[in-house]
C-alpha cells in the first residue's frame, strides 16, 4: 500500500481495512468510468486523502475528510 499524491493505492484488502471508517460514495462502474476524467479532476482538488476501489458491482470512493465528500457531492450531484 502506498500514497500517490493524495490517493491511497495498493492491495484492495489493505486499503479497505485502512479506509473502513472514511466517508464513502458508491457508484456504478459504468457511471464511474464514463465520467472518470471529471471525477479525477474533482479528486485532485480534495484537501485530504482519498481512495478509489473497484469491487466489480460498484466502485467505492472514500474520503478522509467530510468536507471533501460534500464538495464531491456538490460537483457531481447529477451522477451520484
PDB file of N, CA and C in Angstrom:
ATOM      1  N   UNK A   1       0.848  -1.160   0.000  1.00  0.00           N
ATOM      2  CA  UNK A   1       0.000   0.000   0.000  1.00  0.00           C
ATOM      3  C   UNK A   1       0.900   1.232   0.000  1.00  0.00           C
ATOM      4  N   UNK A   2       0.514   2.234  -0.822  1.00  0.00           N
ATOM      5  CA  UNK A   2       1.306   3.452  -0.884  1.00  0.00           C
ATOM      6  C   UNK A   2       0.414   4.653  -1.158  1.00  0.00           C
ATOM      7  N   UNK A   3       0.975   5.813  -0.980  1.00  0.00           N
ATOM      8  CA  UNK A   3       0.256   7.061  -1.202  1.00  0.00           C
ATOM      9  C   UNK A   3       0.830   7.720  -2.445  1.00  0.00           C
ATOM     10  N   UNK A   4      -0.031   7.970  -3.427  1.00  0.00           N
ATOM     11  CA  UNK A   4       0.357   8.660  -4.652  1.00  0.00           C
ATOM     12  C   UNK A   4      -0.380   9.986  -4.652  1.00  0.00           C
ATOM     13  N   UNK A   5       0.329  11.049  -4.358  1.00  0.00           N
ATOM     14  CA  UNK A   5      -0.328  12.343  -4.181  1.00  0.00           C
ATOM     15  C   UNK A   5      -1.211  12.275  -2.947  1.00  0.00           C
ATOM     16  N   UNK A   6      -2.505  12.465  -3.140  1.00  0.00           N
ATOM     17  CA  UNK A   6      -3.454  12.369  -2.034  1.00  0.00           C
ATOM     18  C   UNK A   6      -4.280  11.093  -2.107  1.00  0.00           C
ATOM     19  N   UNK A   7      -3.918  10.182  -3.001  1.00  0.00           N
ATOM     20  CA  UNK A   7      -4.669   8.938  -3.211  1.00  0.00           C
ATOM     21  C   UNK A   7      -3.937   7.758  -2.573  1.00  0.00           C
ATOM     22  N   UNK A   8      -4.689   6.926  -1.873  1.00  0.00           N
ATOM     23  CA  UNK A   8      -4.160   5.696  -1.288  1.00  0.00           C
ATOM     24  C   UNK A   8      -4.390   4.567  -2.295  1.00  0.00           C
ATOM     25  N   UNK A   9      -3.336   3.851  -2.673  1.00  0.00           N
ATOM     26  CA  UNK A   9      -3.442   2.754  -3.629  1.00  0.00           C
ATOM     27  C   UNK A   9      -2.760   1.518  -3.066  1.00  0.00           C
ATOM     28  N   UNK A  10      -3.021   0.393  -3.702  1.00  0.00           N
ATOM     29  CA  UNK A  10      -2.372  -0.838  -3.295  1.00  0.00           C
ATOM     30  C   UNK A  10      -3.349  -1.990  -3.230  1.00  0.00           C
ATOM     31  N   UNK A  11      -3.028  -2.977  -2.409  1.00  0.00           N
ATOM     32  CA  UNK A  11      -3.851  -4.159  -2.241  1.00  0.00           C
ATOM     33  C   UNK A  11      -5.237  -3.752  -1.734  1.00  0.00           C
ATOM     34  N   UNK A  12      -6.312  -4.159  -2.448  1.00  0.00           N
ATOM     35  CA  UNK A  12      -7.666  -3.744  -2.054  1.00  0.00           C
ATOM     36  C   UNK A  12      -8.050  -4.120  -0.629  1.00  0.00           C
ATOM     37  N   UNK A  13      -7.573  -5.233  -0.135  1.00  0.00           N
ATOM     38  CA  UNK A  13      -7.924  -5.651   1.225  1.00  0.00           C
ATOM     39  C   UNK A  13      -7.282  -4.718   2.242  1.00  0.00           C
ATOM     40  N   UNK A  14      -6.022  -4.379   2.050  1.00  0.00           N
ATOM     41  CA  UNK A  14      -5.343  -3.467   2.967  1.00  0.00           C
ATOM     42  C   UNK A  14      -5.923  -2.059   2.883  1.00  0.00           C
ATOM     43  N   UNK A  15      -6.227  -1.597   1.667  1.00  0.00           N
ATOM     44  CA  UNK A  15      -6.821  -0.271   1.507  1.00  0.00           C
ATOM     45  C   UNK A  15      -8.198  -0.240   2.173  1.00  0.00           C
ATOM     46  N   UNK A  16      -8.973  -1.307   2.006  1.00  0.00           N
ATOM     47  CA  UNK A  16     -10.290  -1.389   2.636  1.00  0.00           C
ATOM     48  C   UNK A  16     -10.168  -1.358   4.159  1.00  0.00           C
ATOM     49  N   UNK A  17      -9.221  -2.079   4.713  1.00  0.00           N
ATOM     50  CA  UNK A  17      -9.030  -2.081   6.166  1.00  0.00           C
ATOM     51  C   UNK A  17      -8.631  -0.701   6.687  1.00  0.00           C
ATOM     52  N   UNK A  18      -7.792   0.004   5.939  1.00  0.00           N
ATOM     53  CA  UNK A  18      -7.357   1.337   6.357  1.00  0.00           C
ATOM     54  C   UNK A  18      -8.490   2.362   6.262  1.00  0.00           C
ATOM     55  N   UNK A  19      -9.303   2.274   5.215  1.00  0.00           N
ATOM     56  CA  UNK A  19     -10.304   3.300   4.929  1.00  0.00           C
ATOM     57  C   UNK A  19     -11.715   2.921   5.361  1.00  0.00           C
ATOM     58  N   UNK A  20     -11.868   1.894   6.117  1.00  0.00           N
ATOM     59  CA  UNK A  20     -13.186   1.383   6.508  1.00  0.00           C
ATOM     60  C   UNK A  20     -14.094   2.446   7.136  1.00  0.00           C
ATOM     61  N   UNK A  21     -13.550   3.328   7.951  1.00  0.00           N
ATOM     62  CA  UNK A  21     -14.354   4.321   8.668  1.00  0.00           C
ATOM     63  C   UNK A  21     -14.437   5.668   7.944  1.00  0.00           C
ATOM     64  N   UNK A  22     -13.921   5.761   6.743  1.00  0.00           N
ATOM     65  CA  UNK A  22     -13.933   7.006   5.988  1.00  0.00           C
ATOM     66  C   UNK A  22     -15.307   7.219   5.347  1.00  0.00           C
ATOM     67  N   UNK A  23     -15.595   8.456   4.955  1.00  0.00           N
ATOM     68  CA  UNK A  23     -16.836   8.798   4.256  1.00  0.00           C
ATOM     69  C   UNK A  23     -16.809   8.157   2.872  1.00  0.00           C
ATOM     70  N   UNK A  24     -17.936   7.545   2.439  1.00  0.00           N
ATOM     71  CA  UNK A  24     -17.937   6.729   1.231  1.00  0.00           C
ATOM     72  C   UNK A  24     -19.004   7.165   0.235  1.00  0.00           C
ATOM     73  N   UNK A  25     -18.628   7.148  -1.050  1.00  0.00           N
ATOM     74  CA  UNK A  25     -19.552   7.317  -2.164  1.00  0.00           C
ATOM     75  C   UNK A  25     -19.517   6.014  -2.953  1.00  0.00           C
ATOM     76  N   UNK A  26     -20.683   5.496  -3.297  1.00  0.00           N
ATOM     77  CA  UNK A  26     -20.782   4.239  -4.030  1.00  0.00           C
ATOM     78  C   UNK A  26     -21.377   4.533  -5.402  1.00  0.00           C
ATOM     79  N   UNK A  27     -20.653   4.169  -6.467  1.00  0.00           N
ATOM     80  CA  UNK A  27     -21.066   4.445  -7.839  1.00  0.00           C
ATOM     81  C   UNK A  27     -21.097   3.172  -8.672  1.00  0.00           C
ATOM     82  N   UNK A  28     -21.975   3.146  -9.666  1.00  0.00           N
ATOM     83  CA  UNK A  28     -21.988   2.052 -10.625  1.00  0.00           C
ATOM     84  C   UNK A  28     -20.743   2.183 -11.506  1.00  0.00           C
ATOM     85  N   UNK A  29     -20.090   1.084 -11.867  1.00  0.00           N
ATOM     86  CA  UNK A  29     -18.860   1.169 -12.662  1.00  0.00           C
ATOM     87  C   UNK A  29     -19.037   1.896 -14.000  1.00  0.00           C
ATOM     88  N   UNK A  30     -20.186   1.731 -14.662  1.00  0.00           N
ATOM     89  CA  UNK A  30     -20.391   2.419 -15.935  1.00  0.00           C
ATOM     90  C   UNK A  30     -20.384   3.934 -15.756  1.00  0.00           C
ATOM     91  N   UNK A  31     -21.018   4.406 -14.707  1.00  0.00           N
ATOM     92  CA  UNK A  31     -21.034   5.844 -14.425  1.00  0.00           C
ATOM     93  C   UNK A  31     -19.629   6.321 -14.077  1.00  0.00           C
ATOM     94  N   UNK A  32     -18.940   5.564 -13.234  1.00  0.00           N
ATOM     95  CA  UNK A  32     -17.606   5.975 -12.801  1.00  0.00           C
ATOM     96  C   UNK A  32     -16.644   6.068 -13.973  1.00  0.00           C
ATOM     97  N   UNK A  33     -16.575   5.049 -14.811  1.00  0.00           N
ATOM     98  CA  UNK A  33     -15.590   5.060 -15.886  1.00  0.00           C
ATOM     99  C   UNK A  33     -15.998   5.969 -17.036  1.00  0.00           C
ATOM    100  N   UNK A  34     -17.280   6.184 -17.239  1.00  0.00           N
ATOM    101  CA  UNK A  34     -17.734   7.125 -18.265  1.00  0.00           C
ATOM    102  C   UNK A  34     -17.373   8.554 -17.874  1.00  0.00           C
ATOM    103  N   UNK A  35     -17.466   8.869 -16.596  1.00  0.00           N
ATOM    104  CA  UNK A  35     -17.181  10.218 -16.087  1.00  0.00           C
ATOM    105  C   UNK A  35     -15.820  10.284 -15.391  1.00  0.00           C
ATOM    106  N   UNK A  36     -14.932   9.354 -15.670  1.00  0.00           N
ATOM    107  CA  UNK A  36     -13.664   9.206 -14.966  1.00  0.00           C
ATOM    108  C   UNK A  36     -12.847  10.500 -14.933  1.00  0.00           C
ATOM    109  N   UNK A  37     -12.705  11.159 -16.074  1.00  0.00           N
ATOM    110  CA  UNK A  37     -11.898  12.387 -16.126  1.00  0.00           C
ATOM    111  C   UNK A  37     -12.487  13.477 -15.238  1.00  0.00           C
ATOM    112  N   UNK A  38     -13.811  13.623 -15.246  1.00  0.00           N
ATOM    113  CA  UNK A  38     -14.446  14.622 -14.384  1.00  0.00           C
ATOM    114  C   UNK A  38     -14.258  14.275 -12.914  1.00  0.00           C
ATOM    115  N   UNK A  39     -14.433  13.008 -12.567  1.00  0.00           N
ATOM    116  CA  UNK A  39     -14.236  12.586 -11.181  1.00  0.00           C
ATOM    117  C   UNK A  39     -12.784  12.802 -10.755  1.00  0.00           C
ATOM    118  N   UNK A  40     -11.847  12.506 -11.646  1.00  0.00           N
ATOM    119  CA  UNK A  40     -10.430  12.680 -11.334  1.00  0.00           C
ATOM    120  C   UNK A  40     -10.100  14.150 -11.085  1.00  0.00           C
ATOM    121  N   UNK A  41     -10.670  15.047 -11.881  1.00  0.00           N
ATOM    122  CA  UNK A  41     -10.461  16.483 -11.652  1.00  0.00           C
ATOM    123  C   UNK A  41     -11.003  16.896 -10.285  1.00  0.00           C
ATOM    124  N   UNK A  42     -12.155  16.351  -9.905  1.00  0.00           N
ATOM    125  CA  UNK A  42     -12.722  16.663  -8.596  1.00  0.00           C
ATOM    126  C   UNK A  42     -11.887  16.104  -7.456  1.00  0.00           C
ATOM    127  N   UNK A  43     -11.294  14.946  -7.659  1.00  0.00           N
ATOM    128  CA  UNK A  43     -10.466  14.341  -6.616  1.00  0.00           C
ATOM    129  C   UNK A  43      -9.137  15.078  -6.446  1.00  0.00           C
ATOM    130  N   UNK A  44      -8.653  15.707  -7.508  1.00  0.00           N
ATOM    131  CA  UNK A  44      -7.396  16.461  -7.401  1.00  0.00           C
ATOM    132  C   UNK A  44      -7.539  17.668  -6.488  1.00  0.00           C
ATOM    133  N   UNK A  45      -8.746  18.200  -6.376  1.00  0.00           N
ATOM    134  CA  UNK A  45      -8.963  19.374  -5.531  1.00  0.00           C
ATOM    135  C   UNK A  45      -9.272  19.007  -4.082  1.00  0.00           C
ATOM    136  N   UNK A  46      -9.297  17.724  -3.760  1.00  0.00           N
ATOM    137  CA  UNK A  46      -9.582  17.290  -2.390  1.00  0.00           C
ATOM    138  C   UNK A  46      -8.476  17.753  -1.446  1.00  0.00           C
ATOM    139  N   UNK A  47      -8.873  18.171  -0.253  1.00  0.00           N
ATOM    140  CA  UNK A  47      -7.913  18.656   0.747  1.00  0.00           C
ATOM    141  C   UNK A  47      -7.198  17.503   1.447  1.00  0.00           C
ATOM    142  N   UNK A  48      -7.965  16.441   1.744  1.00  0.00           N
ATOM    143  CA  UNK A  48      -7.409  15.299   2.469  1.00  0.00           C
ATOM    144  C   UNK A  48      -7.173  14.113   1.560  1.00  0.00           C
ATOM    145  N   UNK A  49      -6.925  12.979   2.168  1.00  0.00           N
ATOM    146  CA  UNK A  49      -6.671  11.746   1.429  1.00  0.00           C
ATOM    147  C   UNK A  49      -7.968  11.151   0.900  1.00  0.00           C
ATOM    148  N   UNK A  50      -7.841  10.355  -0.164  1.00  0.00           N
ATOM    149  CA  UNK A  50      -8.978   9.620  -0.708  1.00  0.00           C
ATOM    150  C   UNK A  50      -8.480   8.292  -1.276  1.00  0.00           C
ATOM    151  N   UNK A  51      -9.405   7.370  -1.453  1.00  0.00           N
ATOM    152  CA  UNK A  51      -9.089   6.068  -2.031  1.00  0.00           C
ATOM    153  C   UNK A  51     -10.217   5.665  -2.958  1.00  0.00           C
ATOM    154  N   UNK A  52      -9.878   5.012  -4.062  1.00  0.00           N
ATOM    155  CA  UNK A  52     -10.859   4.519  -5.024  1.00  0.00           C
ATOM    156  C   UNK A  52     -10.662   3.022  -5.168  1.00  0.00           C
ATOM    157  N   UNK A  53     -11.753   2.269  -4.995  1.00  0.00           N
ATOM    158  CA  UNK A  53     -11.677   0.814  -5.103  1.00  0.00           C
ATOM    159  C   UNK A  53     -12.772   0.310  -6.025  1.00  0.00           C
ATOM    160  N   UNK A  54     -12.391  -0.451  -7.049  1.00  0.00           N
ATOM    161  CA  UNK A  54     -13.343  -1.076  -7.954  1.00  0.00           C
ATOM    162  C   UNK A  54     -13.611  -2.484  -7.437  1.00  0.00           C
ATOM    163  N   UNK A  55     -14.833  -2.721  -6.976  1.00  0.00           N
ATOM    164  CA  UNK A  55     -15.200  -4.011  -6.411  1.00  0.00           C
ATOM    165  C   UNK A  55     -16.053  -4.849  -7.359  1.00  0.00           C
ATOM    166  N   UNK A  56     -16.091  -4.485  -8.638  1.00  0.00           N
ATOM    167  CA  UNK A  56     -16.833  -5.246  -9.623  1.00  0.00           C
ATOM    168  C   UNK A  56     -18.249  -4.726  -9.812  1.00  0.00           C
ATOM    169  N   UNK A  57     -19.124  -4.927  -8.835  1.00  0.00           N
ATOM    170  CA  UNK A  57     -20.507  -4.481  -8.948  1.00  0.00           C
ATOM    171  C   UNK A  57     -20.655  -3.000  -8.692  1.00  0.00           C
ATOM    172  N   UNK A  58     -19.702  -2.395  -8.000  1.00  0.00           N
ATOM    173  CA  UNK A  58     -19.726  -0.963  -7.740  1.00  0.00           C
ATOM    174  C   UNK A  58     -18.315  -0.468  -7.462  1.00  0.00           C
ATOM    175  N   UNK A  59     -18.147   0.840  -7.552  1.00  0.00           N
ATOM    176  CA  UNK A  59     -16.866   1.493  -7.275  1.00  0.00           C
ATOM    177  C   UNK A  59     -17.049   2.344  -6.028  1.00  0.00           C
ATOM    178  N   UNK A  60     -16.145   2.192  -5.076  1.00  0.00           N
ATOM    179  CA  UNK A  60     -16.177   2.994  -3.857  1.00  0.00           C
ATOM    180  C   UNK A  60     -15.144   4.102  -3.946  1.00  0.00           C
ATOM    181  N   UNK A  61     -15.553   5.303  -3.609  1.00  0.00           N
ATOM    182  CA  UNK A  61     -14.627   6.414  -3.438  1.00  0.00           C
ATOM    183  C   UNK A  61     -14.742   6.808  -1.975  1.00  0.00           C
ATOM    184  N   UNK A  62     -13.638   6.746  -1.258  1.00  0.00           N
ATOM    185  CA  UNK A  62     -13.648   7.055   0.170  1.00  0.00           C
ATOM    186  C   UNK A  62     -12.810   8.295   0.443  1.00  0.00           C
ATOM    187  N   UNK A  63     -13.346   9.143   1.316  1.00  0.00           N
ATOM    188  CA  UNK A  63     -12.707  10.411   1.669  1.00  0.00           C
ATOM    189  C   UNK A  63     -12.401  10.422   3.153  1.00  0.00           C
ATOM    190  N   UNK A  64     -11.219  10.898   3.497  1.00  0.00           N
ATOM    191  CA  UNK A  64     -10.838  11.026   4.893  1.00  0.00           C
ATOM    192  C   UNK A  64     -11.604  12.167   5.561  1.00  0.00           C
ATOM    193  N   UNK A  65     -11.816  13.259   4.846  1.00  0.00           N
ATOM    194  CA  UNK A  65     -12.492  14.421   5.409  1.00  0.00           C
ATOM    195  C   UNK A  65     -13.897  14.573   4.841  1.00  0.00           C
ATOM    196  N   UNK A  66     -14.837  14.906   5.698  1.00  0.00           N
ATOM    197  CA  UNK A  66     -16.228  15.059   5.276  1.00  0.00           C
ATOM    198  C   UNK A  66     -16.401  16.240   4.324  1.00  0.00           C
ATOM    199  N   UNK A  67     -15.586  17.279   4.463  1.00  0.00           N
ATOM    200  CA  UNK A  67     -15.657  18.431   3.560  1.00  0.00           C
ATOM    201  C   UNK A  67     -15.387  18.021   2.118  1.00  0.00           C
ATOM    202  N   UNK A  68     -14.475  17.075   1.915  1.00  0.00           N
ATOM    203  CA  UNK A  68     -14.185  16.586   0.572  1.00  0.00           C
ATOM    204  C   UNK A  68     -15.381  15.826   0.000  1.00  0.00           C
ATOM    205  N   UNK A  69     -16.054  15.060   0.840  1.00  0.00           N
ATOM    206  CA  UNK A  69     -17.254  14.345   0.402  1.00  0.00           C
ATOM    207  C   UNK A  69     -18.336  15.333  -0.009  1.00  0.00           C
ATOM    208  N   UNK A  70     -18.544  16.372   0.777  1.00  0.00           N
ATOM    209  CA  UNK A  70     -19.547  17.384   0.469  1.00  0.00           C
ATOM    210  C   UNK A  70     -19.223  18.093  -0.841  1.00  0.00           C
ATOM    211  N   UNK A  71     -17.959  18.444  -1.041  1.00  0.00           N
ATOM    212  CA  UNK A  71     -17.542  19.092  -2.282  1.00  0.00           C
ATOM    213  C   UNK A  71     -17.742  18.156  -3.475  1.00  0.00           C
ATOM    214  N   UNK A  72     -17.478  16.880  -3.285  1.00  0.00           N
ATOM    215  CA  UNK A  72     -17.673  15.899  -4.348  1.00  0.00           C
ATOM    216  C   UNK A  72     -19.150  15.808  -4.722  1.00  0.00           C
ATOM    217  N   UNK A  73     -20.038  15.742  -3.729  1.00  0.00           N
ATOM    218  CA  UNK A  73     -21.472  15.701  -3.995  1.00  0.00           C
ATOM    219  C   UNK A  73     -21.947  16.964  -4.709  1.00  0.00           C
ATOM    220  N   UNK A  74     -21.452  18.129  -4.309  1.00  0.00           N
ATOM    221  CA  UNK A  74     -21.863  19.384  -4.953  1.00  0.00           C
ATOM    222  C   UNK A  74     -21.427  19.420  -6.411  1.00  0.00           C
ATOM    223  N   UNK A  75     -20.247  18.922  -6.679  1.00  0.00           N
ATOM    224  CA  UNK A  75     -19.726  18.973  -8.042  1.00  0.00           C
ATOM    225  C   UNK A  75     -20.379  17.931  -8.960  1.00  0.00           C
ATOM    226  N   UNK A  76     -20.699  16.761  -8.425  1.00  0.00           N
ATOM    227  CA  UNK A  76     -21.183  15.643  -9.244  1.00  0.00           C
ATOM    228  C   UNK A  76     -22.567  15.170  -8.824  1.00  0.00           C
ATOM    229  N   UNK A  77     -23.412  16.057  -8.321  1.00  0.00           N
ATOM    230  CA  UNK A  77     -24.697  15.646  -7.754  1.00  0.00           C
ATOM    231  C   UNK A  77     -25.594  14.929  -8.757  1.00  0.00           C
ATOM    232  N   UNK A  78     -25.502  15.218 -10.044  1.00  0.00           N
ATOM    233  CA  UNK A  78     -26.386  14.566 -11.001  1.00  0.00           C
ATOM    234  C   UNK A  78     -25.983  13.129 -11.320  1.00  0.00           C
ATOM    235  N   UNK A  79     -24.771  12.721 -10.929  1.00  0.00           N
ATOM    236  CA  UNK A  79     -24.296  11.366 -11.228  1.00  0.00           C
ATOM    237  C   UNK A  79     -24.251  10.465  -9.996  1.00  0.00           C
ATOM    238  N   UNK A  80     -24.357  11.050  -8.820  1.00  0.00           N
ATOM    239  CA  UNK A  80     -24.246  10.267  -7.582  1.00  0.00           C
ATOM    240  C   UNK A  80     -25.592   9.775  -7.153  1.00  0.00           C
TER     241      UNK A  80
END
